[in-house]
Amino acid sequence: MSAWRNGGADLPSYSELPKGVSGAGSAWNVFDKTGDLGLVNLQTKARVRKALRLGKDGKVFCLSAPLDLFDPVFFAGRGKLRHQLMQKSAYAFDDVLDNFFPQASSQWDGLGHVGAADGMFYGGMTSEDIQGGRNSIDGWARKGIVGRAVVLNTAALRDEDDRTGEDAWVANSNAISVADLEEARKRAGVNFECGDIILLYTGFLDWYSSQSMETRQRFVQKGVCNGGLEHSEEMADFLWNTHALGVAADNIAVEQWPPNYSKEASPFGFLHQVLIGEFGMALGELWDLGALARDCLEDGVYECCVVSSPMRLERGVGSPANALAIK
């Protein structure tokens, strides 16, 4: 397969991708090997200029949740952020952060976060390559992430009764299907364009933010579950064929959680393997999309410009999103 050279116009379809090490279609050879960017390669100057023109009303939405919102932490090994103010003088303070995990709140998963198979990461990088700085988040940081975003509101497809209480739809391992995404797209009146960022509003973060500490603790203690993209090759096929550079959601993992690690479900039982490891797709998790989604419902405009500045951390595998939506 020849490398992509024409703004994405000649990207292959999913069915045209060769099989990768995971067994799913692989995009390792789609791009010229000029950097560790994955599908962020689709961010061209022309697309950035076009996206910037979407900020017609001057409305700005912060898409980052508070750094310390998620307490207790969802995954073992990620501790709670500790923040203190250090007074340097009568008129000056500094911040001191300790136990800071870049992927504990609104985040990007970098290309070194999850591989396509054991010891094999996007582009054929090994574990040693990742430790040496390949597929580092600082590649995205140096380029910046700017593009047209489309908002898909799948929460609006569900009954009001499914959105509240401890047993809310989002707090269980429910699947958002390709049909759901298409219905949300049709309701939004948008079409996908090459290089888009898909913003998936499930309602999880809004639900979580409204829960008591006792409910949050039970949510973690019983085993974290969350509604998200279904574990299927149909979903991988659909997402690749949108030719989006990334998907950012307000839930824990973009996909439904927990994964299905069974041999029968592999590799689509853990979509991270395919979306990150094979496609090189940017995945954003725990983004605060509620205010933006409500504004879209109000004004009927479901596209915007997203500007994100990942943390410039060499050998980093993830970063706070530091993202804004502009309408």
C-alpha atoms as a PDB file:
ATOM      1  CA  MET A   1       0.000   0.000   0.000  1.00  0.00           C
ATOM      2  CA  SER A   2       1.353   3.424  -0.882  1.00  0.00           C
ATOM      3  CA  ALA A   3       1.678   6.013   1.860  1.00  0.00           C
ATOM      4  CA  TRP A   4      -0.973   8.725   2.172  1.00  0.00           C
ATOM      5  CA  ARG A   5       0.105  11.930   0.454  1.00  0.00           C
ATOM      6  CA  ASN A   6      -3.046  13.776  -0.582  1.00  0.00           C
ATOM      7  CA  GLY A   7      -4.723  15.312   2.459  1.00  0.00           C
ATOM      8  CA  GLY A   8      -6.480  12.062   3.265  1.00  0.00           C
ATOM      9  CA  ALA A   9      -8.552  12.030   0.081  1.00  0.00           C
ATOM     10  CA  ASP A  10      -7.018   8.699  -0.875  1.00  0.00           C
ATOM     11  CA  LEU A  11      -7.135   7.001   2.503  1.00  0.00           C
ATOM     12  CA  PRO A  12      -8.099   3.349   2.163  1.00  0.00           C
ATOM     13  CA  SER A  13     -11.370   2.071   3.554  1.00  0.00           C
ATOM     14  CA  TYR A  14     -11.269  -0.299   6.515  1.00  0.00           C
ATOM     15  CA  SER A  15     -11.816  -3.288   4.230  1.00  0.00           C
ATOM     16  CA  GLU A  16      -8.738  -2.251   2.246  1.00  0.00           C
ATOM     17  CA  LEU A  17      -6.427  -2.152   5.257  1.00  0.00           C
ATOM     18  CA  PRO A  18      -4.046  -5.089   5.656  1.00  0.00           C
ATOM     19  CA  LYS A  19      -4.477  -7.264   8.726  1.00  0.00           C
ATOM     20  CA  GLY A  20      -2.299  -6.149  11.594  1.00  0.00           C
ATOM     21  CA  VAL A  21      -0.688  -8.016  14.465  1.00  0.00           C
ATOM     22  CA  SER A  22      -3.941  -7.891  16.448  1.00  0.00           C
ATOM     23  CA  GLY A  23      -5.997  -9.382  13.625  1.00  0.00           C
ATOM     24  CA  ALA A  24      -7.800  -6.099  12.908  1.00  0.00           C
ATOM     25  CA  GLY A  25      -7.149  -3.793   9.988  1.00  0.00           C
ATOM     26  CA  SER A  26      -3.916  -1.878  10.437  1.00  0.00           C
ATOM     27  CA  ALA A  27      -2.893   1.627   9.338  1.00  0.00           C
ATOM     28  CA  TRP A  28       0.801   1.269  10.152  1.00  0.00           C
ATOM     29  CA  ASN A  29       1.801   1.820   6.528  1.00  0.00           C
ATOM     30  CA  VAL A  30      -0.772   4.450   5.576  1.00  0.00           C
ATOM     31  CA  PHE A  31       1.417   7.453   6.409  1.00  0.00           C
ATOM     32  CA  ASP A  32       4.950   8.337   5.479  1.00  0.00           C
ATOM     33  CA  LYS A  33       7.137   7.652   8.479  1.00  0.00           C
ATOM     34  CA  THR A  34       7.906  11.305   9.197  1.00  0.00           C
ATOM     35  CA  GLY A  35       6.903  11.313  12.850  1.00  0.00           C
ATOM     36  CA  ASP A  36       4.939   9.535  15.554  1.00  0.00           C
ATOM     37  CA  LEU A  37       1.604  11.275  14.952  1.00  0.00           C
ATOM     38  CA  GLY A  38      -0.778   8.566  13.800  1.00  0.00           C
ATOM     39  CA  LEU A  39      -4.056   9.998  12.530  1.00  0.00           C
ATOM     40  CA  VAL A  40      -3.084  13.447  13.790  1.00  0.00           C
ATOM     41  CA  ASN A  41      -1.246  13.488  10.449  1.00  0.00           C
ATOM     42  CA  LEU A  42      -4.680  14.366   9.022  1.00  0.00           C
ATOM     43  CA  GLN A  43      -4.454  17.789  10.668  1.00  0.00           C
ATOM     44  CA  THR A  44      -3.434  19.883   7.667  1.00  0.00           C
ATOM     45  CA  LYS A  45      -3.089  23.649   7.441  1.00  0.00           C
ATOM     46  CA  ALA A  46      -6.169  23.816   5.231  1.00  0.00           C
ATOM     47  CA  ARG A  47      -8.252  21.886   7.744  1.00  0.00           C
ATOM     48  CA  VAL A  48      -7.059  24.056  10.618  1.00  0.00           C
ATOM     49  CA  ARG A  49      -7.997  27.212   8.716  1.00  0.00           C
ATOM     50  CA  LYS A  50     -11.429  25.778   7.928  1.00  0.00           C
ATOM     51  CA  ALA A  51     -12.002  24.724  11.551  1.00  0.00           C
ATOM     52  CA  LEU A  52     -11.081  28.145  12.886  1.00  0.00           C
ATOM     53  CA  ARG A  53     -13.835  29.687  10.778  1.00  0.00           C
ATOM     54  CA  LEU A  54     -16.427  27.740  12.805  1.00  0.00           C
ATOM     55  CA  GLY A  55     -16.052  30.114  15.766  1.00  0.00           C
ATOM     56  CA  LYS A  56     -18.749  32.426  14.423  1.00  0.00           C
ATOM     57  CA  ASP A  57     -20.446  33.391  17.713  1.00  0.00           C
ATOM     58  CA  GLY A  58     -17.358  33.592  19.878  1.00  0.00           C
ATOM     59  CA  LYS A  59     -18.713  31.074  22.404  1.00  0.00           C
ATOM     60  CA  VAL A  60     -15.954  29.199  24.233  1.00  0.00           C
ATOM     61  CA  PHE A  61     -16.432  25.987  26.220  1.00  0.00           C
ATOM     62  CA  CYS A  62     -13.847  24.495  28.559  1.00  0.00           C
ATOM     63  CA  LEU A  63     -13.814  20.744  27.963  1.00  0.00           C
ATOM     64  CA  SER A  64     -11.601  19.868  30.934  1.00  0.00           C
ATOM     65  CA  ALA A  65     -13.023  18.520  34.159  1.00  0.00           C
ATOM     66  CA  PRO A  66     -11.379  19.527  37.464  1.00  0.00           C
ATOM     67  CA  LEU A  67      -8.094  17.683  37.947  1.00  0.00           C
ATOM     68  CA  ASP A  68      -9.251  16.262  41.276  1.00  0.00           C
ATOM     69  CA  LEU A  69     -12.883  15.470  40.387  1.00  0.00           C
ATOM     70  CA  PHE A  70     -12.573  11.706  40.178  1.00  0.00           C
ATOM     71  CA  ASP A  71     -12.346  10.554  43.778  1.00  0.00           C
ATOM     72  CA  PRO A  72     -11.861   7.714  44.547  1.00  0.00           C
ATOM     73  CA  VAL A  73      -9.714   6.982  41.506  1.00  0.00           C
ATOM     74  CA  PHE A  74     -11.128   4.581  38.948  1.00  0.00           C
ATOM     75  CA  PHE A  75      -8.052   2.424  38.411  1.00  0.00           C
ATOM     76  CA  ALA A  76      -5.591   0.974  40.898  1.00  0.00           C
ATOM     77  CA  GLY A  77      -2.174   2.572  40.705  1.00  0.00           C
ATOM     78  CA  ARG A  78      -3.492   6.043  39.936  1.00  0.00           C
ATOM     79  CA  GLY A  79      -3.506   7.892  43.209  1.00  0.00           C
ATOM     80  CA  LYS A  80      -5.369  11.018  44.218  1.00  0.00           C
ATOM     81  CA  LEU A  81      -3.830  14.346  43.244  1.00  0.00           C
ATOM     82  CA  ARG A  82      -2.348  16.357  46.103  1.00  0.00           C
ATOM     83  CA  HIS A  83      -2.286  20.132  45.684  1.00  0.00           C
ATOM     84  CA  GLN A  84      -0.925  22.697  48.073  1.00  0.00           C
ATOM     85  CA  LEU A  85      -0.253  26.404  47.904  1.00  0.00           C
ATOM     86  CA  MET A  86       3.245  27.437  48.834  1.00  0.00           C
ATOM     87  CA  GLN A  87       3.438  31.022  50.064  1.00  0.00           C
ATOM     88  CA  LYS A  88       6.702  32.544  48.897  1.00  0.00           C
ATOM     89  CA  SER A  89       6.150  35.993  50.332  1.00  0.00           C
ATOM     90  CA  ALA A  90       3.411  38.287  51.593  1.00  0.00           C
ATOM     91  CA  TYR A  91       2.281  38.829  48.005  1.00  0.00           C
ATOM     92  CA  ALA A  92       3.198  35.623  46.126  1.00  0.00           C
ATOM     93  CA  PHE A  93       2.071  31.997  46.009  1.00  0.00           C
ATOM     94  CA  ASP A  94       3.164  28.984  43.992  1.00  0.00           C
ATOM     95  CA  ASP A  95       1.316  25.740  43.314  1.00  0.00           C
ATOM     96  CA  VAL A  96       2.801  22.406  44.320  1.00  0.00           C
ATOM     97  CA  LEU A  97       1.326  19.252  42.761  1.00  0.00           C
ATOM     98  CA  ASP A  98       2.183  15.790  44.026  1.00  0.00           C
ATOM     99  CA  ASN A  99       1.004  12.346  42.964  1.00  0.00           C
ATOM    100  CA  PHE A 100      -0.097  13.804  39.645  1.00  0.00           C
ATOM    101  CA  PHE A 101      -1.308  11.296  37.041  1.00  0.00           C
ATOM    102  CA  PRO A 102      -1.802  12.973  33.634  1.00  0.00           C
ATOM    103  CA  GLN A 103      -4.579  10.511  32.732  1.00  0.00           C
ATOM    104  CA  ALA A 104      -6.604  10.801  35.943  1.00  0.00           C
ATOM    105  CA  SER A 105      -9.004  13.448  34.600  1.00  0.00           C
ATOM    106  CA  SER A 106      -9.860  14.801  31.124  1.00  0.00           C
ATOM    107  CA  GLN A 107      -7.112  13.317  28.983  1.00  0.00           C
ATOM    108  CA  TRP A 108      -5.670  12.180  25.700  1.00  0.00           C
ATOM    109  CA  ASP A 109      -4.402   8.620  25.390  1.00  0.00           C
ATOM    110  CA  GLY A 110      -1.168   8.793  23.423  1.00  0.00           C
ATOM    111  CA  LEU A 111       0.112   6.269  20.910  1.00  0.00           C
ATOM    112  CA  GLY A 112       2.367   4.694  23.517  1.00  0.00           C
ATOM    113  CA  HIS A 113      -0.496   4.032  25.943  1.00  0.00           C
ATOM    114  CA  VAL A 114      -1.858   0.750  24.556  1.00  0.00           C
ATOM    115  CA  GLY A 115      -0.355  -1.484  21.901  1.00  0.00           C
ATOM    116  CA  ALA A 116      -1.959  -3.626  19.223  1.00  0.00           C
ATOM    117  CA  ALA A 117      -0.479  -6.785  20.750  1.00  0.00           C
ATOM    118  CA  ASP A 118       1.934  -7.747  23.510  1.00  0.00           C
ATOM    119  CA  GLY A 119       5.058  -5.621  23.138  1.00  0.00           C
ATOM    120  CA  MET A 120       3.938  -4.237  19.765  1.00  0.00           C
ATOM    121  CA  PHE A 121       2.685  -0.652  19.463  1.00  0.00           C
ATOM    122  CA  TYR A 122       1.468   1.626  16.680  1.00  0.00           C
ATOM    123  CA  GLY A 123       3.825   1.656  13.722  1.00  0.00           C
ATOM    124  CA  GLY A 124       5.594  -1.514  14.841  1.00  0.00           C
ATOM    125  CA  MET A 125       7.210   0.124  17.855  1.00  0.00           C
ATOM    126  CA  THR A 126       8.361  -2.175  20.661  1.00  0.00           C
ATOM    127  CA  SER A 127       8.154  -1.616  24.394  1.00  0.00           C
ATOM    128  CA  GLU A 128      11.795  -0.562  24.294  1.00  0.00           C
ATOM    129  CA  ASP A 129      10.969   1.978  21.582  1.00  0.00           C
ATOM    130  CA  ILE A 130       8.206   3.471  23.737  1.00  0.00           C
ATOM    131  CA  GLN A 131      10.562   3.749  26.703  1.00  0.00           C
ATOM    132  CA  GLY A 132      13.063   5.405  24.388  1.00  0.00           C
ATOM    133  CA  GLY A 133      10.616   8.097  23.305  1.00  0.00           C
ATOM    134  CA  ARG A 134       8.831   6.768  20.200  1.00  0.00           C
ATOM    135  CA  ASN A 135       5.081   7.467  19.908  1.00  0.00           C
ATOM    136  CA  SER A 136       5.487  10.065  22.665  1.00  0.00           C
ATOM    137  CA  ILE A 137       2.689  12.493  23.511  1.00  0.00           C
ATOM    138  CA  ASP A 138       5.102  15.359  22.943  1.00  0.00           C
ATOM    139  CA  GLY A 139       4.729  14.803  19.192  1.00  0.00           C
ATOM    140  CA  TRP A 140       1.097  15.878  19.475  1.00  0.00           C
ATOM    141  CA  ALA A 141       2.111  18.646  21.872  1.00  0.00           C
ATOM    142  CA  ARG A 142       4.558  20.162  19.391  1.00  0.00           C
ATOM    143  CA  LYS A 143       1.969  20.037  16.599  1.00  0.00           C
ATOM    144  CA  GLY A 144      -1.030  20.949  18.745  1.00  0.00           C
ATOM    145  CA  ILE A 145      -4.429  19.414  18.067  1.00  0.00           C
ATOM    146  CA  VAL A 146      -6.813  21.721  16.225  1.00  0.00           C
ATOM    147  CA  GLY A 147      -9.732  20.710  14.067  1.00  0.00           C
ATOM    148  CA  ARG A 148     -13.383  20.600  13.234  1.00  0.00           C
ATOM    149  CA  ALA A 149     -15.359  18.707  15.851  1.00  0.00           C
ATOM    150  CA  VAL A 150     -18.793  17.157  15.522  1.00  0.00           C
ATOM    151  CA  VAL A 151     -20.892  16.534  18.636  1.00  0.00           C
ATOM    152  CA  LEU A 152     -22.770  13.233  18.790  1.00  0.00           C
ATOM    153  CA  ASN A 153     -25.284  13.278  21.647  1.00  0.00           C
ATOM    154  CA  THR A 154     -26.145   9.650  22.353  1.00  0.00           C
ATOM    155  CA  ALA A 155     -27.568  10.581  25.766  1.00  0.00           C
ATOM    156  CA  ALA A 156     -30.486  12.220  23.930  1.00  0.00           C
ATOM    157  CA  LEU A 157     -31.378   8.833  22.422  1.00  0.00           C
ATOM    158  CA  ARG A 158     -32.213   7.384  25.844  1.00  0.00           C
ATOM    159  CA  ASP A 159     -35.238   7.843  28.077  1.00  0.00           C
ATOM    160  CA  GLU A 160     -34.948  10.269  30.975  1.00  0.00           C
ATOM    161  CA  ASP A 161     -35.340   7.350  33.411  1.00  0.00           C
ATOM    162  CA  ASP A 162     -32.056   5.901  32.129  1.00  0.00           C
ATOM    163  CA  ARG A 163     -30.057   9.000  33.068  1.00  0.00           C
ATOM    164  CA  THR A 164     -30.476   9.206  36.851  1.00  0.00           C
ATOM    165  CA  GLY A 165     -29.923   7.101  39.969  1.00  0.00           C
ATOM    166  CA  GLU A 166     -27.140   4.751  40.950  1.00  0.00           C
ATOM    167  CA  ASP A 167     -28.147   2.289  38.266  1.00  0.00           C
ATOM    168  CA  ALA A 168     -28.094   4.851  35.460  1.00  0.00           C
ATOM    169  CA  TRP A 169     -27.412   3.601  31.938  1.00  0.00           C
ATOM    170  CA  VAL A 170     -23.978   5.245  31.888  1.00  0.00           C
ATOM    171  CA  ALA A 171     -22.896   3.497  35.098  1.00  0.00           C
ATOM    172  CA  ASN A 172     -23.196   0.041  33.556  1.00  0.00           C
ATOM    173  CA  SER A 173     -21.394  -1.721  30.722  1.00  0.00           C
ATOM    174  CA  ASN A 174     -23.906  -0.811  28.034  1.00  0.00           C
ATOM    175  CA  ALA A 175     -23.035  -0.603  24.364  1.00  0.00           C
ATOM    176  CA  ILE A 176     -23.404   2.358  22.036  1.00  0.00           C
ATOM    177  CA  SER A 177     -23.873   0.832  18.606  1.00  0.00           C
ATOM    178  CA  VAL A 178     -22.991   2.070  15.142  1.00  0.00           C
ATOM    179  CA  ALA A 179     -26.722   2.591  14.617  1.00  0.00           C
ATOM    180  CA  ASP A 180     -26.777   4.833  17.707  1.00  0.00           C
ATOM    181  CA  LEU A 181     -23.905   6.925  16.366  1.00  0.00           C
ATOM    182  CA  GLU A 182     -25.610   7.250  13.002  1.00  0.00           C
ATOM    183  CA  GLU A 183     -28.887   8.269  14.639  1.00  0.00           C
ATOM    184  CA  ALA A 184     -27.071  10.906  16.709  1.00  0.00           C
ATOM    185  CA  ARG A 185     -25.309  12.150  13.578  1.00  0.00           C
ATOM    186  CA  LYS A 186     -28.570  12.411  11.656  1.00  0.00           C
ATOM    187  CA  ARG A 187     -30.246  14.284  14.508  1.00  0.00           C
ATOM    188  CA  ALA A 188     -27.305  16.663  14.537  1.00  0.00           C
ATOM    189  CA  GLY A 189     -27.566  17.194  10.798  1.00  0.00           C
ATOM    190  CA  VAL A 190     -23.832  16.795  10.214  1.00  0.00           C
ATOM    191  CA  ASN A 191     -21.625  14.742   7.940  1.00  0.00           C
ATOM    192  CA  PHE A 192     -18.159  13.517   8.804  1.00  0.00           C
ATOM    193  CA  GLU A 193     -15.157  15.114   7.146  1.00  0.00           C
ATOM    194  CA  CYS A 194     -11.605  13.833   6.979  1.00  0.00           C
ATOM    195  CA  GLY A 195      -9.574  14.972   9.988  1.00  0.00           C
ATOM    196  CA  ASP A 196     -12.575  15.534  12.286  1.00  0.00           C
ATOM    197  CA  ILE A 197     -12.603  15.105  16.042  1.00  0.00           C
ATOM    198  CA  ILE A 198     -15.732  13.230  17.116  1.00  0.00           C
ATOM    199  CA  LEU A 199     -17.063  14.426  20.487  1.00  0.00           C
ATOM    200  CA  LEU A 200     -19.215  11.711  22.046  1.00  0.00           C
ATOM    201  CA  TYR A 201     -21.586  12.906  24.766  1.00  0.00           C
ATOM    202  CA  THR A 202     -22.905   9.927  26.745  1.00  0.00           C
ATOM    203  CA  GLY A 203     -23.912  11.813  29.903  1.00  0.00           C
ATOM    204  CA  PHE A 204     -21.480   9.938  32.163  1.00  0.00           C
ATOM    205  CA  LEU A 205     -19.501  12.872  33.528  1.00  0.00           C
ATOM    206  CA  ASP A 206     -22.653  14.874  34.268  1.00  0.00           C
ATOM    207  CA  TRP A 207     -24.086  11.843  36.057  1.00  0.00           C
ATOM    208  CA  TYR A 208     -20.898  11.267  38.043  1.00  0.00           C
ATOM    209  CA  SER A 209     -20.569  14.908  39.066  1.00  0.00           C
ATOM    210  CA  SER A 210     -24.044  14.826  40.617  1.00  0.00           C
ATOM    211  CA  GLN A 211     -23.412  11.753  42.786  1.00  0.00           C
ATOM    212  CA  SER A 212     -22.596  11.714  46.482  1.00  0.00           C
ATOM    213  CA  MET A 213     -19.232  10.479  47.709  1.00  0.00           C
ATOM    214  CA  GLU A 214     -20.940   7.342  49.006  1.00  0.00           C
ATOM    215  CA  THR A 215     -22.330   6.563  45.552  1.00  0.00           C
ATOM    216  CA  ARG A 216     -18.969   7.229  43.921  1.00  0.00           C
ATOM    217  CA  GLN A 217     -17.268   4.878  46.336  1.00  0.00           C
ATOM    218  CA  ARG A 218     -19.779   2.118  45.619  1.00  0.00           C
ATOM    219  CA  PHE A 219     -19.324   2.699  41.895  1.00  0.00           C
ATOM    220  CA  VAL A 220     -15.602   2.000  42.202  1.00  0.00           C
ATOM    221  CA  GLN A 221     -15.844  -0.760  44.802  1.00  0.00           C
ATOM    222  CA  LYS A 222     -18.230  -2.893  42.759  1.00  0.00           C
ATOM    223  CA  GLY A 223     -15.912  -2.663  39.763  1.00  0.00           C
ATOM    224  CA  VAL A 224     -15.899   0.282  37.400  1.00  0.00           C
ATOM    225  CA  CYS A 225     -18.461  -0.033  34.605  1.00  0.00           C
ATOM    226  CA  ASN A 226     -19.418   2.480  31.974  1.00  0.00           C
ATOM    227  CA  GLY A 227     -21.503   2.693  28.842  1.00  0.00           C
ATOM    228  CA  GLY A 228     -19.526   3.324  25.675  1.00  0.00           C
ATOM    229  CA  LEU A 229     -18.720   2.216  22.150  1.00  0.00           C
ATOM    230  CA  GLU A 230     -19.600  -1.403  21.544  1.00  0.00           C
ATOM    231  CA  HIS A 231     -16.895  -4.030  21.267  1.00  0.00           C
ATOM    232  CA  SER A 232     -17.201  -5.022  17.634  1.00  0.00           C
ATOM    233  CA  GLU A 233     -15.381  -4.973  14.326  1.00  0.00           C
ATOM    234  CA  GLU A 234     -18.376  -3.099  12.916  1.00  0.00           C
ATOM    235  CA  MET A 235     -17.526  -0.232  15.280  1.00  0.00           C
ATOM    236  CA  ALA A 236     -13.856  -0.264  14.285  1.00  0.00           C
ATOM    237  CA  ASP A 237     -14.860  -0.308  10.610  1.00  0.00           C
ATOM    238  CA  PHE A 238     -17.235   2.623  11.126  1.00  0.00           C
ATOM    239  CA  LEU A 239     -14.759   4.769  13.049  1.00  0.00           C
ATOM    240  CA  TRP A 240     -11.930   4.214  10.582  1.00  0.00           C
ATOM    241  CA  ASN A 241     -14.189   5.049   7.657  1.00  0.00           C
ATOM    242  CA  THR A 242     -15.169   8.404   9.205  1.00  0.00           C
ATOM    243  CA  HIS A 243     -11.460   9.272   8.704  1.00  0.00           C
ATOM    244  CA  ALA A 244     -11.591  11.190  11.980  1.00  0.00           C
ATOM    245  CA  LEU A 245      -8.255  11.891  13.629  1.00  0.00           C
ATOM    246  CA  GLY A 246      -9.706  11.243  17.069  1.00  0.00           C
ATOM    247  CA  VAL A 247     -12.690  10.466  19.284  1.00  0.00           C
ATOM    248  CA  ALA A 248     -13.142  12.188  22.651  1.00  0.00           C
ATOM    249  CA  ALA A 249     -15.903  11.161  25.040  1.00  0.00           C
ATOM    250  CA  ASP A 250     -17.177  12.168  28.468  1.00  0.00           C
ATOM    251  CA  ASN A 251     -16.929   8.611  29.773  1.00  0.00           C
ATOM    252  CA  ILE A 252     -14.100   6.615  31.289  1.00  0.00           C
ATOM    253  CA  ALA A 253     -12.711   4.783  28.272  1.00  0.00           C
ATOM    254  CA  VAL A 254     -14.612   5.887  25.130  1.00  0.00           C
ATOM    255  CA  GLU A 255     -15.542   2.213  24.707  1.00  0.00           C
ATOM    256  CA  GLN A 256     -17.860   0.283  27.018  1.00  0.00           C
ATOM    257  CA  TRP A 257     -16.091  -0.858  30.152  1.00  0.00           C
ATOM    258  CA  PRO A 258     -14.831  -3.293  31.284  1.00  0.00           C
ATOM    259  CA  PRO A 259     -13.210  -4.810  28.207  1.00  0.00           C
ATOM    260  CA  ASN A 260     -13.855  -8.359  27.082  1.00  0.00           C
ATOM    261  CA  TYR A 261     -10.438  -9.986  27.123  1.00  0.00           C
ATOM    262  CA  SER A 262     -11.658 -13.391  25.955  1.00  0.00           C
ATOM    263  CA  LYS A 263      -9.950 -15.021  22.994  1.00  0.00           C
ATOM    264  CA  GLU A 264     -13.261 -15.103  21.139  1.00  0.00           C
ATOM    265  CA  ALA A 265     -13.733 -11.321  21.447  1.00  0.00           C
ATOM    266  CA  SER A 266     -10.134 -10.402  20.569  1.00  0.00           C
ATOM    267  CA  PRO A 267      -9.082  -7.861  19.445  1.00  0.00           C
ATOM    268  CA  PHE A 268     -12.359  -5.920  19.403  1.00  0.00           C
ATOM    269  CA  GLY A 269     -13.184  -6.786  23.009  1.00  0.00           C
ATOM    270  CA  PHE A 270     -10.633  -4.115  23.921  1.00  0.00           C
ATOM    271  CA  LEU A 271     -11.035  -1.438  21.259  1.00  0.00           C
ATOM    272  CA  HIS A 272      -8.014   0.500  22.519  1.00  0.00           C
ATOM    273  CA  GLN A 273      -5.838  -2.175  20.901  1.00  0.00           C
ATOM    274  CA  VAL A 274      -7.371  -1.442  17.519  1.00  0.00           C
ATOM    275  CA  LEU A 275      -8.122   2.282  17.680  1.00  0.00           C
ATOM    276  CA  ILE A 276      -4.766   3.268  19.198  1.00  0.00           C
ATOM    277  CA  GLY A 277      -2.517   0.331  18.431  1.00  0.00           C
ATOM    278  CA  GLU A 278      -3.569  -0.357  14.840  1.00  0.00           C
ATOM    279  CA  PHE A 279      -5.166   2.908  13.636  1.00  0.00           C
ATOM    280  CA  GLY A 280      -3.084   5.491  15.509  1.00  0.00           C
ATOM    281  CA  MET A 281      -6.283   7.273  16.544  1.00  0.00           C
ATOM    282  CA  ALA A 282      -6.290   9.901  19.298  1.00  0.00           C
ATOM    283  CA  LEU A 283      -8.651   8.887  22.120  1.00  0.00           C
ATOM    284  CA  GLY A 284      -9.892  11.443  24.639  1.00  0.00           C
ATOM    285  CA  GLU A 285     -11.537  10.316  27.864  1.00  0.00           C
ATOM    286  CA  LEU A 286     -13.477  12.009  30.681  1.00  0.00           C
ATOM    287  CA  TRP A 287     -13.940  15.222  28.699  1.00  0.00           C
ATOM    288  CA  ASP A 288     -16.459  17.673  30.139  1.00  0.00           C
ATOM    289  CA  LEU A 289     -18.878  17.879  27.225  1.00  0.00           C
ATOM    290  CA  GLY A 290     -22.131  18.674  29.063  1.00  0.00           C
ATOM    291  CA  ALA A 291     -22.292  22.433  28.564  1.00  0.00           C
ATOM    292  CA  LEU A 292     -21.299  22.110  24.912  1.00  0.00           C
ATOM    293  CA  ALA A 293     -23.899  19.393  24.276  1.00  0.00           C
ATOM    294  CA  ARG A 294     -26.633  21.482  25.888  1.00  0.00           C
ATOM    295  CA  ASP A 295     -25.663  24.481  23.783  1.00  0.00           C
ATOM    296  CA  CYS A 296     -25.861  22.330  20.667  1.00  0.00           C
ATOM    297  CA  LEU A 297     -29.380  21.265  21.631  1.00  0.00           C
ATOM    298  CA  GLU A 298     -30.313  24.897  22.113  1.00  0.00           C
ATOM    299  CA  ASP A 299     -28.921  26.418  18.935  1.00  0.00           C
ATOM    300  CA  GLY A 300     -29.002  23.342  16.678  1.00  0.00           C
ATOM    301  CA  VAL A 301     -25.325  23.712  15.713  1.00  0.00           C
ATOM    302  CA  TYR A 302     -23.378  20.508  16.303  1.00  0.00           C
ATOM    303  CA  GLU A 303     -20.016  21.451  14.840  1.00  0.00           C
ATOM    304  CA  CYS A 304     -17.314  23.585  16.375  1.00  0.00           C
ATOM    305  CA  CYS A 305     -13.585  24.161  16.454  1.00  0.00           C
ATOM    306  CA  VAL A 306     -11.607  22.245  19.064  1.00  0.00           C
ATOM    307  CA  VAL A 307      -8.205  23.482  20.191  1.00  0.00           C
ATOM    308  CA  SER A 308      -6.138  21.260  22.461  1.00  0.00           C
ATOM    309  CA  SER A 309      -2.615  21.617  23.802  1.00  0.00           C
ATOM    310  CA  PRO A 310      -1.322  18.299  25.161  1.00  0.00           C
ATOM    311  CA  MET A 311       1.389  18.421  27.770  1.00  0.00           C
ATOM    312  CA  ARG A 312       4.875  18.523  26.280  1.00  0.00           C
ATOM    313  CA  LEU A 313       6.320  15.526  28.065  1.00  0.00           C
ATOM    314  CA  GLU A 314       9.008  13.562  26.269  1.00  0.00           C
ATOM    315  CA  ARG A 315       8.374   9.807  26.505  1.00  0.00           C
ATOM    316  CA  GLY A 316       4.860  10.614  27.785  1.00  0.00           C
ATOM    317  CA  VAL A 317       2.024   8.218  26.941  1.00  0.00           C
ATOM    318  CA  GLY A 318      -0.878  10.492  27.884  1.00  0.00           C
ATOM    319  CA  SER A 319      -1.758  14.049  28.800  1.00  0.00           C
ATOM    320  CA  PRO A 320      -4.428  16.291  30.248  1.00  0.00           C
ATOM    321  CA  ALA A 321      -6.639  17.392  27.365  1.00  0.00           C
ATOM    322  CA  ASN A 322      -6.349  21.157  27.914  1.00  0.00           C
ATOM    323  CA  ALA A 323      -9.121  21.474  25.337  1.00  0.00           C
ATOM    324  CA  LEU A 324     -11.503  24.260  24.329  1.00  0.00           C
ATOM    325  CA  ALA A 325     -14.461  24.188  21.949  1.00  0.00           C
ATOM    326  CA  ILE A 326     -15.222  27.379  20.053  1.00  0.00           C
ATOM    327  CA  LYS A 327     -18.566  28.050  18.336  1.00  0.00           C
END
